[in-house]
N, C-alpha and C. Protein backbone atom coordinates (compact mmCIF):
# COMPACT_ATOMS: atom_id res chain seq x y z
N MET A 1 105.80 94.45 91.42
CA MET A 1 106.72 95.31 90.73
C MET A 1 105.96 96.50 90.14
N ALA A 2 106.45 97.68 90.39
CA ALA A 2 105.79 98.89 89.90
C ALA A 2 106.07 99.09 88.41
N VAL A 3 105.03 99.53 87.71
CA VAL A 3 105.12 99.85 86.29
C VAL A 3 104.81 101.34 86.14
N GLU A 4 105.64 102.04 85.39
CA GLU A 4 105.38 103.46 85.16
C GLU A 4 104.29 103.61 84.11
N VAL A 5 103.19 104.23 84.49
CA VAL A 5 102.07 104.47 83.58
C VAL A 5 102.40 105.67 82.70
N VAL A 6 102.76 106.75 83.33
CA VAL A 6 103.30 107.97 82.71
C VAL A 6 104.37 108.45 83.68
N PRO A 7 105.26 109.32 83.25
CA PRO A 7 106.28 109.79 84.19
C PRO A 7 105.66 110.37 85.47
N GLY A 8 106.04 109.79 86.61
CA GLY A 8 105.55 110.26 87.89
C GLY A 8 104.34 109.53 88.43
N VAL A 9 103.78 108.61 87.65
CA VAL A 9 102.63 107.82 88.09
C VAL A 9 102.94 106.35 87.82
N THR A 10 102.79 105.54 88.86
CA THR A 10 103.08 104.12 88.74
C THR A 10 101.89 103.28 89.16
N ALA A 11 101.92 102.02 88.77
CA ALA A 11 100.91 101.06 89.20
C ALA A 11 101.64 99.80 89.66
N ASP A 12 101.20 99.25 90.77
CA ASP A 12 101.81 98.07 91.36
C ASP A 12 100.69 97.27 92.02
N ALA A 13 100.59 96.00 91.70
CA ALA A 13 99.54 95.16 92.27
C ALA A 13 99.58 95.14 93.80
N GLU A 14 100.74 95.43 94.38
CA GLU A 14 100.91 95.40 95.83
C GLU A 14 100.58 96.74 96.50
N VAL A 15 100.29 97.76 95.71
CA VAL A 15 100.02 99.10 96.26
C VAL A 15 98.68 99.58 95.73
N ALA A 16 97.80 99.95 96.63
CA ALA A 16 96.49 100.53 96.27
C ALA A 16 95.72 99.64 95.29
N PHE A 17 95.84 98.33 95.48
CA PHE A 17 95.11 97.37 94.65
C PHE A 17 95.43 97.50 93.17
N GLY A 18 96.62 98.00 92.86
CA GLY A 18 97.04 98.14 91.46
C GLY A 18 96.58 99.42 90.79
N LYS A 19 95.87 100.27 91.53
CA LYS A 19 95.44 101.55 90.95
C LYS A 19 96.65 102.46 90.76
N PRO A 20 96.66 103.30 89.74
CA PRO A 20 97.78 104.22 89.54
C PRO A 20 97.92 105.20 90.70
N VAL A 21 99.14 105.33 91.19
CA VAL A 21 99.44 106.23 92.30
C VAL A 21 100.56 107.18 91.90
N ILE A 22 100.69 108.25 92.66
CA ILE A 22 101.81 109.15 92.48
C ILE A 22 103.06 108.36 92.86
N ALA A 23 104.04 108.33 91.97
CA ALA A 23 105.25 107.53 92.19
C ALA A 23 105.86 107.82 93.55
N GLY A 24 106.23 106.75 94.24
CA GLY A 24 106.87 106.88 95.55
C GLY A 24 105.91 107.12 96.69
N THR A 25 104.60 107.10 96.41
CA THR A 25 103.59 107.31 97.45
C THR A 25 102.52 106.23 97.31
N ARG A 26 101.54 106.29 98.18
CA ARG A 26 100.36 105.43 98.07
C ARG A 26 99.14 106.29 97.72
N ILE A 27 99.38 107.49 97.25
CA ILE A 27 98.30 108.43 96.94
C ILE A 27 97.81 108.17 95.52
N PRO A 28 96.56 107.74 95.37
CA PRO A 28 96.03 107.49 94.03
C PRO A 28 96.02 108.77 93.18
N ALA A 29 96.43 108.63 91.94
CA ALA A 29 96.39 109.76 91.02
C ALA A 29 94.96 110.27 90.89
N ALA A 30 93.99 109.37 90.91
CA ALA A 30 92.59 109.77 90.81
C ALA A 30 92.17 110.65 91.98
N LYS A 31 92.74 110.44 93.16
CA LYS A 31 92.41 111.27 94.32
C LYS A 31 92.88 112.70 94.10
N VAL A 32 94.09 112.84 93.58
CA VAL A 32 94.61 114.17 93.30
C VAL A 32 93.74 114.86 92.25
N LEU A 33 93.40 114.13 91.20
CA LEU A 33 92.56 114.70 90.13
C LEU A 33 91.18 115.06 90.65
N SER A 34 90.63 114.23 91.50
CA SER A 34 89.32 114.49 92.09
C SER A 34 89.35 115.76 92.93
N GLN A 35 90.41 115.94 93.69
CA GLN A 35 90.52 117.14 94.51
C GLN A 35 90.63 118.38 93.64
N LEU A 36 91.42 118.30 92.57
CA LEU A 36 91.52 119.43 91.64
C LEU A 36 90.17 119.74 91.01
N ALA A 37 89.48 118.70 90.56
CA ALA A 37 88.17 118.88 89.93
C ALA A 37 87.15 119.44 90.91
N GLY A 38 87.33 119.12 92.19
CA GLY A 38 86.42 119.60 93.22
C GLY A 38 86.69 121.02 93.67
N GLY A 39 87.75 121.62 93.13
CA GLY A 39 88.00 123.02 93.44
C GLY A 39 89.19 123.29 94.34
N MET A 40 89.84 122.26 94.84
CA MET A 40 91.04 122.51 95.65
C MET A 40 92.14 123.04 94.75
N SER A 41 92.93 123.94 95.28
CA SER A 41 94.06 124.45 94.50
C SER A 41 95.22 123.46 94.59
N ALA A 42 96.13 123.56 93.65
CA ALA A 42 97.32 122.70 93.67
C ALA A 42 98.08 122.91 94.98
N ASP A 43 98.16 124.15 95.44
CA ASP A 43 98.86 124.44 96.71
C ASP A 43 98.20 123.73 97.89
N GLU A 44 96.86 123.74 97.91
CA GLU A 44 96.14 123.07 98.99
C GLU A 44 96.39 121.56 98.95
N ILE A 45 96.38 120.98 97.77
CA ILE A 45 96.61 119.55 97.63
C ILE A 45 98.03 119.19 98.03
N GLN A 46 98.97 120.03 97.63
CA GLN A 46 100.37 119.79 98.02
C GLN A 46 100.51 119.77 99.54
N ALA A 47 99.87 120.71 100.20
CA ALA A 47 99.95 120.79 101.66
C ALA A 47 99.23 119.61 102.31
N GLU A 48 98.06 119.27 101.79
CA GLU A 48 97.23 118.19 102.37
C GLU A 48 97.92 116.83 102.26
N TYR A 49 98.53 116.56 101.12
CA TYR A 49 99.10 115.23 100.86
C TYR A 49 100.63 115.21 100.83
N ASP A 50 101.26 116.32 101.18
CA ASP A 50 102.72 116.44 101.18
C ASP A 50 103.31 116.07 99.82
N LEU A 51 102.76 116.71 98.79
CA LEU A 51 103.21 116.47 97.42
C LEU A 51 103.98 117.69 96.90
N THR A 52 104.71 117.47 95.83
CA THR A 52 105.45 118.55 95.17
C THR A 52 104.65 119.03 93.96
N PRO A 53 104.97 120.20 93.43
CA PRO A 53 104.32 120.63 92.20
C PRO A 53 104.51 119.62 91.06
N ALA A 54 105.67 118.99 90.99
CA ALA A 54 105.92 118.00 89.94
C ALA A 54 105.00 116.79 90.09
N GLN A 55 104.65 116.44 91.32
CA GLN A 55 103.74 115.31 91.53
C GLN A 55 102.32 115.66 91.13
N ILE A 56 101.92 116.90 91.34
CA ILE A 56 100.60 117.35 90.88
C ILE A 56 100.58 117.31 89.35
N GLN A 57 101.65 117.77 88.73
CA GLN A 57 101.76 117.73 87.26
C GLN A 57 101.69 116.30 86.75
N ALA A 58 102.27 115.37 87.49
CA ALA A 58 102.22 113.96 87.08
C ALA A 58 100.79 113.46 87.04
N ALA A 59 99.99 113.85 88.02
CA ALA A 59 98.57 113.45 88.03
C ALA A 59 97.85 114.03 86.82
N LEU A 60 98.14 115.29 86.49
CA LEU A 60 97.53 115.91 85.31
C LEU A 60 97.99 115.23 84.03
N ARG A 61 99.26 114.84 83.99
CA ARG A 61 99.79 114.11 82.83
C ARG A 61 99.05 112.79 82.67
N TYR A 62 98.78 112.13 83.78
CA TYR A 62 98.03 110.87 83.76
C TYR A 62 96.62 111.10 83.21
N ALA A 63 95.96 112.16 83.65
CA ALA A 63 94.61 112.47 83.16
C ALA A 63 94.63 112.73 81.66
N ALA A 64 95.63 113.46 81.20
CA ALA A 64 95.74 113.73 79.76
C ALA A 64 95.97 112.45 79.00
N TRP A 65 96.80 111.57 79.54
CA TRP A 65 97.06 110.28 78.90
C TRP A 65 95.77 109.46 78.80
N LEU A 66 94.99 109.43 79.87
CA LEU A 66 93.73 108.70 79.86
C LEU A 66 92.78 109.26 78.80
N ALA A 67 92.66 110.58 78.76
CA ALA A 67 91.75 111.22 77.80
C ALA A 67 92.19 110.93 76.37
N GLU A 68 93.49 110.92 76.16
CA GLU A 68 94.01 110.66 74.82
C GLU A 68 93.73 109.24 74.36
N HIS A 69 93.71 108.30 75.29
CA HIS A 69 93.55 106.89 74.94
C HIS A 69 92.12 106.38 75.06
N GLU A 70 91.22 107.21 75.56
CA GLU A 70 89.82 106.81 75.73
C GLU A 70 89.10 106.79 74.39
N VAL A 71 88.35 105.76 74.16
CA VAL A 71 87.52 105.67 72.96
C VAL A 71 86.09 105.41 73.41
N ILE A 72 85.19 106.27 73.00
CA ILE A 72 83.78 106.10 73.32
C ILE A 72 83.03 105.85 72.03
N ARG A 73 82.36 104.78 71.99
CA ARG A 73 81.63 104.43 70.78
C ARG A 73 80.16 104.79 70.97
N ALA A 74 79.72 105.76 70.21
CA ALA A 74 78.33 106.20 70.28
C ALA A 74 77.48 105.30 69.38
N HIS A 75 76.34 104.94 69.87
CA HIS A 75 75.42 104.11 69.09
C HIS A 75 74.33 105.00 68.50
N ALA A 76 74.08 104.78 67.25
CA ALA A 76 73.00 105.53 66.61
C ALA A 76 71.67 105.02 67.15
N GLY A 77 70.83 105.92 67.50
CA GLY A 77 69.58 105.46 68.10
C GLY A 77 68.46 106.09 67.49
């Protein structure tokens, strides 16, 4: 059963080993983010993976959600 992580991104144990994907696809959100970080434009990613602008935004929303919830504990050394 798919669980919505953020709007437009879901996770399902039966799809992509439970990794978050763009809703309705098998495309990992991390793949979209990796392509953006690597310099591909949103238009290029849309064409390559047959995604909509809203689906690209969903991947960015997921990245923002991850950054907001990440806690890094620095150790004094």
